[in-house]
C-alpha atoms as a PDB file:
ATOM      1  CA  UNK A   1      58.464  10.717  13.514  1.00  0.00           C
ATOM      2  CA  UNK A   2      59.945   7.498  13.295  1.00  0.00           C
ATOM      3  CA  UNK A   3      62.200   6.550  16.702  1.00  0.00           C
ATOM      4  CA  UNK A   4      64.501   4.152  18.025  1.00  0.00           C
ATOM      5  CA  UNK A   5      63.552   2.441  21.257  1.00  0.00           C
ATOM      6  CA  UNK A   6      66.919   0.270  21.018  1.00  0.00           C
ATOM      7  CA  UNK A   7      68.732   3.381  23.012  1.00  0.00           C
ATOM      8  CA  UNK A   8      67.647   1.986  26.279  1.00  0.00           C
ATOM      9  CA  UNK A   9      70.329  -0.915  26.350  1.00  0.00           C
ATOM     10  CA  UNK A  10      73.614   0.694  25.897  1.00  0.00           C
ATOM     11  CA  UNK A  11      72.798   4.333  26.865  1.00  0.00           C
ATOM     12  CA  UNK A  12      70.755   3.639  29.669  1.00  0.00           C
ATOM     13  CA  UNK A  13      73.689   1.062  30.645  1.00  0.00           C
ATOM     14  CA  UNK A  14      76.494   3.517  30.308  1.00  0.00           C
ATOM     15  CA  UNK A  15      74.743   6.240  32.619  1.00  0.00           C
ATOM     16  CA  UNK A  16      73.925   3.251  35.277  1.00  0.00           C
ATOM     17  CA  UNK A  17      77.794   2.339  35.128  1.00  0.00           C
ATOM     18  CA  UNK A  18      78.495   5.886  35.319  1.00  0.00           C
ATOM     19  CA  UNK A  19      76.075   7.081  38.311  1.00  0.00           C
ATOM     20  CA  UNK A  20      76.584   3.988  40.312  1.00  0.00           C
ATOM     21  CA  UNK A  21      79.677   1.707  39.857  1.00  0.00           C
ATOM     22  CA  UNK A  22      82.365   4.045  37.945  1.00  0.00           C
ATOM     23  CA  UNK A  23      81.587   7.652  39.621  1.00  0.00           C
ATOM     24  CA  UNK A  24      81.175   6.138  42.955  1.00  0.00           C
ATOM     25  CA  UNK A  25      83.722   7.544  45.879  1.00  0.00           C
ATOM     26  CA  UNK A  26      84.943   5.119  48.104  1.00  0.00           C
ATOM     27  CA  UNK A  27      85.142   7.712  50.817  1.00  0.00           C
ATOM     28  CA  UNK A  28      82.909  11.181  49.996  1.00  0.00           C
ATOM     29  CA  UNK A  29      84.345  14.097  50.293  1.00  0.00           C
ATOM     30  CA  UNK A  30      81.216  16.025  49.531  1.00  0.00           C
ATOM     31  CA  UNK A  31      77.605  15.792  47.215  1.00  0.00           C
ATOM     32  CA  UNK A  32      75.471  18.283  46.178  1.00  0.00           C
ATOM     33  CA  UNK A  33      72.701  18.367  43.892  1.00  0.00           C
ATOM     34  CA  UNK A  34      71.839  22.105  42.543  1.00  0.00           C
ATOM     35  CA  UNK A  35      70.145  23.147  39.171  1.00  0.00           C
ATOM     36  CA  UNK A  36      69.822  19.314  37.987  1.00  0.00           C
ATOM     37  CA  UNK A  37      74.297  19.228  38.161  1.00  0.00           C
ATOM     38  CA  UNK A  38      74.887  16.066  40.846  1.00  0.00           C
ATOM     39  CA  UNK A  39      78.756  17.016  41.807  1.00  0.00           C
ATOM     40  CA  UNK A  40      80.291  14.289  43.915  1.00  0.00           C
ATOM     41  CA  UNK A  41      83.995  15.228  45.326  1.00  0.00           C
ATOM     42  CA  UNK A  42      85.975  12.138  45.704  1.00  0.00           C
ATOM     43  CA  UNK A  43      89.819  13.424  46.474  1.00  0.00           C
ATOM     44  CA  UNK A  44      90.361  13.117  49.821  1.00  0.00           C
ATOM     45  CA  UNK A  45      94.030  11.550  48.798  1.00  0.00           C
ATOM     46  CA  UNK A  46      95.152  12.500  45.760  1.00  0.00           C
ATOM     47  CA  UNK A  47      93.412  14.934  42.533  1.00  0.00           C
ATOM     48  CA  UNK A  48      93.492  15.653  39.087  1.00  0.00           C
ATOM     49  CA  UNK A  49      93.657  19.135  39.969  1.00  0.00           C
ATOM     50  CA  UNK A  50      90.175  19.691  37.971  1.00  0.00           C
ATOM     51  CA  UNK A  51      87.131  21.757  39.271  1.00  0.00           C
ATOM     52  CA  UNK A  52      83.583  21.505  38.385  1.00  0.00           C
ATOM     53  CA  UNK A  53      83.847  24.428  35.874  1.00  0.00           C
ATOM     54  CA  UNK A  54      86.875  22.671  34.257  1.00  0.00           C
ATOM     55  CA  UNK A  55      84.666  19.455  33.842  1.00  0.00           C
ATOM     56  CA  UNK A  56      81.594  21.767  32.664  1.00  0.00           C
ATOM     57  CA  UNK A  57      83.889  23.285  30.056  1.00  0.00           C
ATOM     58  CA  UNK A  58      84.670  20.063  28.202  1.00  0.00           C
ATOM     59  CA  UNK A  59      80.416  19.906  27.044  1.00  0.00           C
ATOM     60  CA  UNK A  60      78.038  21.996  25.418  1.00  0.00           C
ATOM     61  CA  UNK A  61      76.217  24.430  27.677  1.00  0.00           C
ATOM     62  CA  UNK A  62      72.472  23.766  28.611  1.00  0.00           C
ATOM     63  CA  UNK A  63      71.098  25.778  26.175  1.00  0.00           C
ATOM     64  CA  UNK A  64      73.755  25.261  23.264  1.00  0.00           C
ATOM     65  CA  UNK A  65      71.679  22.760  21.032  1.00  0.00           C
ATOM     66  CA  UNK A  66      68.921  23.808  19.011  1.00  0.00           C
ATOM     67  CA  UNK A  67      65.713  22.106  19.798  1.00  0.00           C
ATOM     68  CA  UNK A  68      66.723  20.291  23.011  1.00  0.00           C
ATOM     69  CA  UNK A  69      66.846  21.045  26.559  1.00  0.00           C
ATOM     70  CA  UNK A  70      68.024  19.966  30.021  1.00  0.00           C
ATOM     71  CA  UNK A  71      65.373  18.243  32.014  1.00  0.00           C
ATOM     72  CA  UNK A  72      66.490  16.463  35.520  1.00  0.00           C
ATOM     73  CA  UNK A  73      65.845  13.264  35.561  1.00  0.00           C
ATOM     74  CA  UNK A  74      62.190  12.435  37.848  1.00  0.00           C
ATOM     75  CA  UNK A  75      63.993  10.041  40.167  1.00  0.00           C
ATOM     76  CA  UNK A  76      67.429  11.281  40.634  1.00  0.00           C
ATOM     77  CA  UNK A  77      66.721  15.340  39.670  1.00  0.00           C
ATOM     78  CA  UNK A  78      69.719  15.670  37.774  1.00  0.00           C
ATOM     79  CA  UNK A  79      70.356  16.054  34.000  1.00  0.00           C
ATOM     80  CA  UNK A  80      74.283  16.168  34.530  1.00  0.00           C
ATOM     81  CA  UNK A  81      76.371  14.125  36.534  1.00  0.00           C
ATOM     82  CA  UNK A  82      80.096  15.114  37.766  1.00  0.00           C
ATOM     83  CA  UNK A  83      82.193  12.908  39.083  1.00  0.00           C
ATOM     84  CA  UNK A  84      85.642  14.422  40.573  1.00  0.00           C
ATOM     85  CA  UNK A  85      88.942  12.399  41.168  1.00  0.00           C
ATOM     86  CA  UNK A  86      87.583   8.622  41.671  1.00  0.00           C
ATOM     87  CA  UNK A  87      90.111   6.594  42.463  1.00  0.00           C
ATOM     88  CA  UNK A  88      91.850   9.821  44.187  1.00  0.00           C
ATOM     89  CA  UNK A  89      90.178   8.272  48.167  1.00  0.00           C
ATOM     90  CA  UNK A  90      92.605   5.762  47.925  1.00  0.00           C
ATOM     91  CA  UNK A  91      96.754   5.507  47.815  1.00  0.00           C
ATOM     92  CA  UNK A  92      98.736   5.256  44.945  1.00  0.00           C
ATOM     93  CA  UNK A  93     101.580   6.085  42.990  1.00  0.00           C
ATOM     94  CA  UNK A  94     101.156   9.466  41.538  1.00  0.00           C
ATOM     95  CA  UNK A  95      97.537   9.726  39.533  1.00  0.00           C
ATOM     96  CA  UNK A  96      97.531   6.588  38.117  1.00  0.00           C
ATOM     97  CA  UNK A  97      93.942   4.988  38.697  1.00  0.00           C
ATOM     98  CA  UNK A  98      92.279   7.850  39.027  1.00  0.00           C
ATOM     99  CA  UNK A  99      89.772   9.674  37.017  1.00  0.00           C
ATOM    100  CA  UNK A 100      87.079  12.440  36.411  1.00  0.00           C
ATOM    101  CA  UNK A 101      83.842  12.557  34.335  1.00  0.00           C
ATOM    102  CA  UNK A 102      80.912  14.276  33.409  1.00  0.00           C
ATOM    103  CA  UNK A 103      77.948  13.295  31.529  1.00  0.00           C
ATOM    104  CA  UNK A 104      74.963  15.096  30.100  1.00  0.00           C
ATOM    105  CA  UNK A 105      71.419  14.551  29.098  1.00  0.00           C
ATOM    106  CA  UNK A 106      69.576  16.920  26.328  1.00  0.00           C
ATOM    107  CA  UNK A 107      65.885  15.980  25.842  1.00  0.00           C
ATOM    108  CA  UNK A 108      63.822  17.012  22.520  1.00  0.00           C
ATOM    109  CA  UNK A 109      61.662  19.930  23.088  1.00  0.00           C
ATOM    110  CA  UNK A 110      58.843  18.703  20.348  1.00  0.00           C
ATOM    111  CA  UNK A 111      59.346  14.955  21.406  1.00  0.00           C
ATOM    112  CA  UNK A 112      60.700  13.944  25.210  1.00  0.00           C
ATOM    113  CA  UNK A 113      61.492  10.300  23.478  1.00  0.00           C
ATOM    114  CA  UNK A 114      64.568  11.921  21.631  1.00  0.00           C
ATOM    115  CA  UNK A 115      67.625  12.532  23.679  1.00  0.00           C
ATOM    116  CA  UNK A 116      71.334  13.475  23.089  1.00  0.00           C
ATOM    117  CA  UNK A 117      73.850  11.636  25.251  1.00  0.00           C
ATOM    118  CA  UNK A 118      77.473  13.153  25.830  1.00  0.00           C
ATOM    119  CA  UNK A 119      80.363  11.722  28.447  1.00  0.00           C
ATOM    120  CA  UNK A 120      83.714  13.119  28.854  1.00  0.00           C
ATOM    121  CA  UNK A 121      86.235  11.363  31.208  1.00  0.00           C
ATOM    122  CA  UNK A 122      89.105  13.017  31.926  1.00  0.00           C
ATOM    123  CA  UNK A 123      92.510  10.695  32.597  1.00  0.00           C
ATOM    124  CA  UNK A 124      96.180  11.103  33.815  1.00  0.00           C
ATOM    125  CA  UNK A 125      97.784  10.480  30.686  1.00  0.00           C
ATOM    126  CA  UNK A 126      97.222   9.902  26.830  1.00  0.00           C
ATOM    127  CA  UNK A 127      98.244   6.152  27.559  1.00  0.00           C
ATOM    128  CA  UNK A 128      95.218   5.798  30.055  1.00  0.00           C
ATOM    129  CA  UNK A 129      92.587   7.688  27.774  1.00  0.00           C
ATOM    130  CA  UNK A 130      93.975   4.834  25.070  1.00  0.00           C
ATOM    131  CA  UNK A 131      92.971   1.943  27.835  1.00  0.00           C
ATOM    132  CA  UNK A 132      89.596   3.520  28.596  1.00  0.00           C
ATOM    133  CA  UNK A 133      88.770   3.031  24.529  1.00  0.00           C
ATOM    134  CA  UNK A 134      90.404   0.018  24.645  1.00  0.00           C
ATOM    135  CA  UNK A 135      87.963  -1.199  27.686  1.00  0.00           C
ATOM    136  CA  UNK A 136      84.594   0.045  25.804  1.00  0.00           C
ATOM    137  CA  UNK A 137      85.739  -1.626  22.424  1.00  0.00           C
ATOM    138  CA  UNK A 138      86.707  -4.690  24.421  1.00  0.00           C
ATOM    139  CA  UNK A 139      83.961  -7.551  23.383  1.00  0.00           C
ATOM    140  CA  UNK A 140      83.967  -9.319  26.690  1.00  0.00           C
ATOM    141  CA  UNK A 141      82.886  -5.638  28.146  1.00  0.00           C
ATOM    142  CA  UNK A 142      80.307  -4.752  25.637  1.00  0.00           C
ATOM    143  CA  UNK A 143      77.688  -6.959  24.222  1.00  0.00           C
ATOM    144  CA  UNK A 144      77.675  -4.193  21.527  1.00  0.00           C
ATOM    145  CA  UNK A 145      81.448  -4.313  20.472  1.00  0.00           C
ATOM    146  CA  UNK A 146      80.249  -6.698  17.043  1.00  0.00           C
ATOM    147  CA  UNK A 147      78.831  -3.463  15.691  1.00  0.00           C
ATOM    148  CA  UNK A 148      81.926  -0.738  16.452  1.00  0.00           C
ATOM    149  CA  UNK A 149      83.891   0.047  13.585  1.00  0.00           C
ATOM    150  CA  UNK A 150      86.566   2.310  13.089  1.00  0.00           C
ATOM    151  CA  UNK A 151      86.507   5.689  12.022  1.00  0.00           C
ATOM    152  CA  UNK A 152      83.865   8.482  11.974  1.00  0.00           C
ATOM    153  CA  UNK A 153      80.189   8.467  10.146  1.00  0.00           C
ATOM    154  CA  UNK A 154      81.546  10.496   7.731  1.00  0.00           C
ATOM    155  CA  UNK A 155      84.820   8.684   7.242  1.00  0.00           C
ATOM    156  CA  UNK A 156      86.571  12.408   8.380  1.00  0.00           C
ATOM    157  CA  UNK A 157      89.136  12.412  11.418  1.00  0.00           C
ATOM    158  CA  UNK A 158      87.858  12.641  14.549  1.00  0.00           C
ATOM    159  CA  UNK A 159      90.012  13.297  17.751  1.00  0.00           C
ATOM    160  CA  UNK A 160      93.079  10.651  17.868  1.00  0.00           C
ATOM    161  CA  UNK A 161      91.543   7.616  17.568  1.00  0.00           C
ATOM    162  CA  UNK A 162      87.368   7.322  16.953  1.00  0.00           C
ATOM    163  CA  UNK A 163      85.447   4.279  16.411  1.00  0.00           C
ATOM    164  CA  UNK A 164      81.285   4.562  15.830  1.00  0.00           C
ATOM    165  CA  UNK A 165      78.707   1.934  16.674  1.00  0.00           C
ATOM    166  CA  UNK A 166      75.972   2.701  13.820  1.00  0.00           C
ATOM    167  CA  UNK A 167      72.944   1.424  14.784  1.00  0.00           C
ATOM    168  CA  UNK A 168      73.034   2.833  17.908  1.00  0.00           C
ATOM    169  CA  UNK A 169      74.204   6.151  16.603  1.00  0.00           C
ATOM    170  CA  UNK A 170      77.322   6.360  18.582  1.00  0.00           C
ATOM    171  CA  UNK A 171      81.004   7.324  19.033  1.00  0.00           C
ATOM    172  CA  UNK A 172      83.990   6.774  20.907  1.00  0.00           C
ATOM    173  CA  UNK A 173      86.605   9.014  20.388  1.00  0.00           C
ATOM    174  CA  UNK A 174      89.847  10.083  22.666  1.00  0.00           C
ATOM    175  CA  UNK A 175      91.705  13.765  22.025  1.00  0.00           C
ATOM    176  CA  UNK A 176      94.654  13.741  24.378  1.00  0.00           C
ATOM    177  CA  UNK A 177      93.919  12.655  27.866  1.00  0.00           C
ATOM    178  CA  UNK A 178      89.927  12.652  27.106  1.00  0.00           C
ATOM    179  CA  UNK A 179      87.550   9.649  26.458  1.00  0.00           C
ATOM    180  CA  UNK A 180      84.790  10.915  24.913  1.00  0.00           C
ATOM    181  CA  UNK A 181      81.171   9.279  24.118  1.00  0.00           C
ATOM    182  CA  UNK A 182      78.361  10.966  22.087  1.00  0.00           C
ATOM    183  CA  UNK A 183      74.958   9.348  21.653  1.00  0.00           C
ATOM    184  CA  UNK A 184      71.881  10.494  20.093  1.00  0.00           C
ATOM    185  CA  UNK A 185      68.713   8.347  20.374  1.00  0.00           C
ATOM    186  CA  UNK A 186      65.606   9.294  17.968  1.00  0.00           C
ATOM    187  CA  UNK A 187      64.682   9.497  14.150  1.00  0.00           C
ATOM    188  CA  UNK A 188      66.632   7.561  12.383  1.00  0.00           C
ATOM    189  CA  UNK A 189      67.852   9.757   9.409  1.00  0.00           C
ATOM    190  CA  UNK A 190      71.655  11.466   9.719  1.00  0.00           C
ATOM    191  CA  UNK A 191      71.943  10.952  13.342  1.00  0.00           C
ATOM    192  CA  UNK A 192      75.124   9.805  12.474  1.00  0.00           C
ATOM    193  CA  UNK A 193      76.450  13.104  11.714  1.00  0.00           C
ATOM    194  CA  UNK A 194      74.289  14.628  13.669  1.00  0.00           C
ATOM    195  CA  UNK A 195      76.269  12.465  16.981  1.00  0.00           C
ATOM    196  CA  UNK A 196      79.522  14.051  14.680  1.00  0.00           C
ATOM    197  CA  UNK A 197      78.569  17.417  14.579  1.00  0.00           C
ATOM    198  CA  UNK A 198      78.232  17.274  18.241  1.00  0.00           C
ATOM    199  CA  UNK A 199      82.074  15.363  18.730  1.00  0.00           C
ATOM    200  CA  UNK A 200      83.763  18.012  16.491  1.00  0.00           C
ATOM    201  CA  UNK A 201      82.489  20.437  18.840  1.00  0.00           C
ATOM    202  CA  UNK A 202      83.659  18.969  21.774  1.00  0.00           C
ATOM    203  CA  UNK A 203      86.514  17.934  20.335  1.00  0.00           C
ATOM    204  CA  UNK A 204      87.365  21.919  19.720  1.00  0.00           C
ATOM    205  CA  UNK A 205      86.432  22.586  23.505  1.00  0.00           C
ATOM    206  CA  UNK A 206      89.119  20.031  24.688  1.00  0.00           C
ATOM    207  CA  UNK A 207      91.691  21.422  22.266  1.00  0.00           C
ATOM    208  CA  UNK A 208      91.317  24.769  23.732  1.00  0.00           C
ATOM    209  CA  UNK A 209      90.619  23.871  27.297  1.00  0.00           C
ATOM    210  CA  UNK A 210      92.826  26.294  30.156  1.00  0.00           C
ATOM    211  CA  UNK A 211      93.792  22.674  31.776  1.00  0.00           C
ATOM    212  CA  UNK A 212      95.831  21.633  28.989  1.00  0.00           C
ATOM    213  CA  UNK A 213      94.569  18.324  28.581  1.00  0.00           C
ATOM    214  CA  UNK A 214      96.288  17.654  25.379  1.00  0.00           C
ATOM    215  CA  UNK A 215      99.451  18.466  23.972  1.00  0.00           C
ATOM    216  CA  UNK A 216      99.613  21.852  22.783  1.00  0.00           C
ATOM    217  CA  UNK A 217     100.043  22.431  18.629  1.00  0.00           C
ATOM    218  CA  UNK A 218     101.177  25.489  17.529  1.00  0.00           C
ATOM    219  CA  UNK A 219      99.078  28.529  17.738  1.00  0.00           C
ATOM    220  CA  UNK A 220      97.291  29.925  14.269  1.00  0.00           C
ATOM    221  CA  UNK A 221      97.928  33.527  14.051  1.00  0.00           C
ATOM    222  CA  UNK A 222      94.564  35.247  12.009  1.00  0.00           C
ATOM    223  CA  UNK A 223      95.611  38.583  10.564  1.00  0.00           C
ATOM    224  CA  UNK A 224      92.989  41.024   9.117  1.00  0.00           C
ATOM    225  CA  UNK A 225      94.612  44.326   7.865  1.00  0.00           C
ATOM    226  CA  UNK A 226      97.602  42.908  10.361  1.00  0.00           C
ATOM    227  CA  UNK A 227      95.761  42.949  12.988  1.00  0.00           C
ATOM    228  CA  UNK A 228      95.245  39.402  14.850  1.00  0.00           C
ATOM    229  CA  UNK A 229      91.715  38.620  15.370  1.00  0.00           C
ATOM    230  CA  UNK A 230      90.349  35.154  17.180  1.00  0.00           C
ATOM    231  CA  UNK A 231      93.198  35.151  19.734  1.00  0.00           C
ATOM    232  CA  UNK A 232      93.363  32.159  21.284  1.00  0.00           C
ATOM    233  CA  UNK A 233      90.403  30.491  19.080  1.00  0.00           C
ATOM    234  CA  UNK A 234      91.723  29.320  15.586  1.00  0.00           C
ATOM    235  CA  UNK A 235      92.799  25.964  15.691  1.00  0.00           C
ATOM    236  CA  UNK A 236      93.347  23.370  13.230  1.00  0.00           C
ATOM    237  CA  UNK A 237      90.742  20.428  13.338  1.00  0.00           C
ATOM    238  CA  UNK A 238      93.169  17.702  10.897  1.00  0.00           C
ATOM    239  CA  UNK A 239      94.161  20.371   8.826  1.00  0.00           C
ATOM    240  CA  UNK A 240      90.847  22.366   8.832  1.00  0.00           C
ATOM    241  CA  UNK A 241      91.448  26.005  10.599  1.00  0.00           C
ATOM    242  CA  UNK A 242      88.183  26.629  12.549  1.00  0.00           C
ATOM    243  CA  UNK A 243      87.274  30.236  14.188  1.00  0.00           C
ATOM    244  CA  UNK A 244      84.478  31.708  15.625  1.00  0.00           C
ATOM    245  CA  UNK A 245      82.293  33.282  12.862  1.00  0.00           C
ATOM    246  CA  UNK A 246      82.858  36.962  14.505  1.00  0.00           C
ATOM    247  CA  UNK A 247      86.129  36.734  13.416  1.00  0.00           C
ATOM    248  CA  UNK A 248      84.717  38.170   9.679  1.00  0.00           C
ATOM    249  CA  UNK A 249      83.952  41.367  11.062  1.00  0.00           C
ATOM    250  CA  UNK A 250      86.958  43.722  10.707  1.00  0.00           C
ATOM    251  CA  UNK A 251      87.258  42.369   7.253  1.00  0.00           C
ATOM    252  CA  UNK A 252      83.765  44.652   6.849  1.00  0.00           C
ATOM    253  CA  UNK A 253      81.527  41.511   7.455  1.00  0.00           C
ATOM    254  CA  UNK A 254      77.615  42.612   9.155  1.00  0.00           C
ATOM    255  CA  UNK A 255      77.020  39.427  10.993  1.00  0.00           C
ATOM    256  CA  UNK A 256      72.891  39.236  12.102  1.00  0.00           C
ATOM    257  CA  UNK A 257      72.240  36.241  14.623  1.00  0.00           C
ATOM    258  CA  UNK A 258      68.667  34.378  15.035  1.00  0.00           C
ATOM    259  CA  UNK A 259      68.896  32.399  18.110  1.00  0.00           C
ATOM    260  CA  UNK A 260      65.733  30.443  19.202  1.00  0.00           C
ATOM    261  CA  UNK A 261      65.349  27.794  21.303  1.00  0.00           C
ATOM    262  CA  UNK A 262      64.492  25.367  18.227  1.00  0.00           C
ATOM    263  CA  UNK A 263      67.395  27.257  15.942  1.00  0.00           C
ATOM    264  CA  UNK A 264      70.582  29.076  16.081  1.00  0.00           C
ATOM    265  CA  UNK A 265      71.669  30.344  12.753  1.00  0.00           C
ATOM    266  CA  UNK A 266      73.908  33.242  11.750  1.00  0.00           C
ATOM    267  CA  UNK A 267      74.017  35.601   8.421  1.00  0.00           C
ATOM    268  CA  UNK A 268      76.977  36.815   7.313  1.00  0.00           C
ATOM    269  CA  UNK A 269      77.092  39.551   4.508  1.00  0.00           C
ATOM    270  CA  UNK A 270      79.726  41.511   2.670  1.00  0.00           C
ATOM    271  CA  UNK A 271      79.497  43.737  -1.023  1.00  0.00           C
ATOM    272  CA  UNK A 272      76.464  42.083  -2.023  1.00  0.00           C
ATOM    273  CA  UNK A 273      77.371  38.383  -0.877  1.00  0.00           C
ATOM    274  CA  UNK A 274      76.279  36.451   1.685  1.00  0.00           C
ATOM    275  CA  UNK A 275      76.378  32.952   3.927  1.00  0.00           C
ATOM    276  CA  UNK A 276      73.773  31.550   6.407  1.00  0.00           C
ATOM    277  CA  UNK A 277      75.373  29.234   8.653  1.00  0.00           C
ATOM    278  CA  UNK A 278      73.676  26.877  11.165  1.00  0.00           C
ATOM    279  CA  UNK A 279      74.642  25.033  14.272  1.00  0.00           C
ATOM    280  CA  UNK A 280      75.526  21.774  13.977  1.00  0.00           C
ATOM    281  CA  UNK A 281      75.019  21.664   9.999  1.00  0.00           C
ATOM    282  CA  UNK A 282      77.259  20.601   7.725  1.00  0.00           C
ATOM    283  CA  UNK A 283      76.394  23.001   5.101  1.00  0.00           C
ATOM    284  CA  UNK A 284      76.158  26.800   4.614  1.00  0.00           C
ATOM    285  CA  UNK A 285      73.528  28.241   2.209  1.00  0.00           C
ATOM    286  CA  UNK A 286      75.405  30.715   0.093  1.00  0.00           C
ATOM    287  CA  UNK A 287      73.593  33.168  -2.750  1.00  0.00           C
ATOM    288  CA  UNK A 288      74.924  30.301  -5.196  1.00  0.00           C
ATOM    289  CA  UNK A 289      73.014  27.561  -3.401  1.00  0.00           C
ATOM    290  CA  UNK A 290      74.248  25.519  -0.457  1.00  0.00           C
ATOM    291  CA  UNK A 291      77.862  24.134   0.104  1.00  0.00           C
ATOM    292  CA  UNK A 292      78.942  21.137   1.975  1.00  0.00           C
ATOM    293  CA  UNK A 293      81.507  22.030   4.676  1.00  0.00           C
ATOM    294  CA  UNK A 294      84.720  20.821   5.158  1.00  0.00           C
ATOM    295  CA  UNK A 295      83.723  20.846   8.984  1.00  0.00           C
ATOM    296  CA  UNK A 296      80.565  21.141  10.682  1.00  0.00           C
ATOM    297  CA  UNK A 297      79.359  24.569  12.392  1.00  0.00           C
ATOM    298  CA  UNK A 298      79.061  24.234  16.611  1.00  0.00           C
ATOM    299  CA  UNK A 299      78.942  26.639  19.011  1.00  0.00           C
ATOM    300  CA  UNK A 300      80.934  27.943  21.800  1.00  0.00           C
ATOM    301  CA  UNK A 301      80.532  30.431  24.748  1.00  0.00           C
ATOM    302  CA  UNK A 302      77.399  32.024  22.760  1.00  0.00           C
ATOM    303  CA  UNK A 303      79.374  31.966  18.856  1.00  0.00           C
ATOM    304  CA  UNK A 304      78.693  29.821  16.153  1.00  0.00           C
ATOM    305  CA  UNK A 305      82.168  28.325  14.811  1.00  0.00           C
ATOM    306  CA  UNK A 306      83.122  27.491  11.132  1.00  0.00           C
ATOM    307  CA  UNK A 307      85.619  26.356   9.057  1.00  0.00           C
ATOM    308  CA  UNK A 308      87.672  29.526   7.881  1.00  0.00           C
ATOM    309  CA  UNK A 309      88.840  29.246   4.430  1.00  0.00           C
ATOM    310  CA  UNK A 310      85.199  28.025   3.109  1.00  0.00           C
ATOM    311  CA  UNK A 311      83.191  30.928   4.621  1.00  0.00           C
ATOM    312  CA  UNK A 312      85.709  33.753   4.094  1.00  0.00           C
ATOM    313  CA  UNK A 313      86.316  32.922   0.202  1.00  0.00           C
ATOM    314  CA  UNK A 314      82.103  32.311  -0.542  1.00  0.00           C
ATOM    315  CA  UNK A 315      81.941  36.304   0.949  1.00  0.00           C
ATOM    316  CA  UNK A 316      84.594  37.391  -1.518  1.00  0.00           C
ATOM    317  CA  UNK A 317      87.571  37.508   1.174  1.00  0.00           C
ATOM    318  CA  UNK A 318      90.929  36.037  -0.118  1.00  0.00           C
ATOM    319  CA  UNK A 319      92.238  33.356   2.578  1.00  0.00           C
ATOM    320  CA  UNK A 320      96.122  33.167   2.079  1.00  0.00           C
ATOM    321  CA  UNK A 321      98.411  30.905   4.825  1.00  0.00           C
ATOM    322  CA  UNK A 322     101.936  30.523   5.579  1.00  0.00           C
ATOM    323  CA  UNK A 323     102.982  28.378   8.347  1.00  0.00           C
ATOM    324  CA  UNK A 324     100.923  29.128  10.869  1.00  0.00           C
ATOM    325  CA  UNK A 325      99.779  32.590   9.947  1.00  0.00           C
ATOM    326  CA  UNK A 326      96.411  33.510   8.216  1.00  0.00           C
ATOM    327  CA  UNK A 327      96.010  36.476   6.368  1.00  0.00           C
ATOM    328  CA  UNK A 328      92.654  37.637   4.941  1.00  0.00           C
ATOM    329  CA  UNK A 329      92.691  40.116   2.202  1.00  0.00           C
ATOM    330  CA  UNK A 330      89.051  41.410   1.593  1.00  0.00           C
ATOM    331  CA  UNK A 331      89.146  42.299  -2.187  1.00  0.00           C
END
């Protein structure tokens, strides 16, 4: 397997800034390390109102990415770093100048040099998140800015504002008040699309976050036999409705899950038709061959999230939408 070694520059730089500079409290309220998670609380005067659990809800769990695991760093003892209310130990106007941040590393099970890095920074406002992105894109602040390109790797919308750094398989984007970085280190083939699949799932987590970190849109109601399903879990990602695949079960769909440390696959069957989806894949397998998906498959709370219309129609279920209501009509 061909592995990139150039990741050392940007990724280690970002992680070092998080731990030693950007995430440092002037006055430390508390700091603890447990189970590989390093948490520091800084808000002696001001707070954004976010807890450790709120920050963990922004990114994937330790075992959510097949083929990868969270391994504590041999020196720091952590694979996840959380900084709460940075800037909250200094006087200020409201929450201005504050942020909370989480960063997590995953390491390849078969190749320890292959890694994933995800970082979410929660700011006080959407304007502050825009400023966060502008700072990253500033050529004075980053020597890699010459490689930055606007938009995602696929060309599809991601978040509110998205940029990519192709040589480093990195995405920078904002969703509401949150700035996100996703980076893949490893084989050169299709890493950008893998990073984007990870990013799409993080956007989903942010948009459904209980602390309302993004301006709420009108809820989508999905009905099967006039009964709501996937309540609070169906959302539109730039015009594509995604739902937990379990939302199809009331439409006489049978699901079979095969989940191991290296693979997460769900097979859905109905009336002789079948669909197979895999975590972080951009395509699904059907009885008629492979089909490219409008949005990738990704996990949330033990389930795979899929593009509703494509998967439902492949199983012979008609999809009728009127406004924010979608009716699934089994044929």
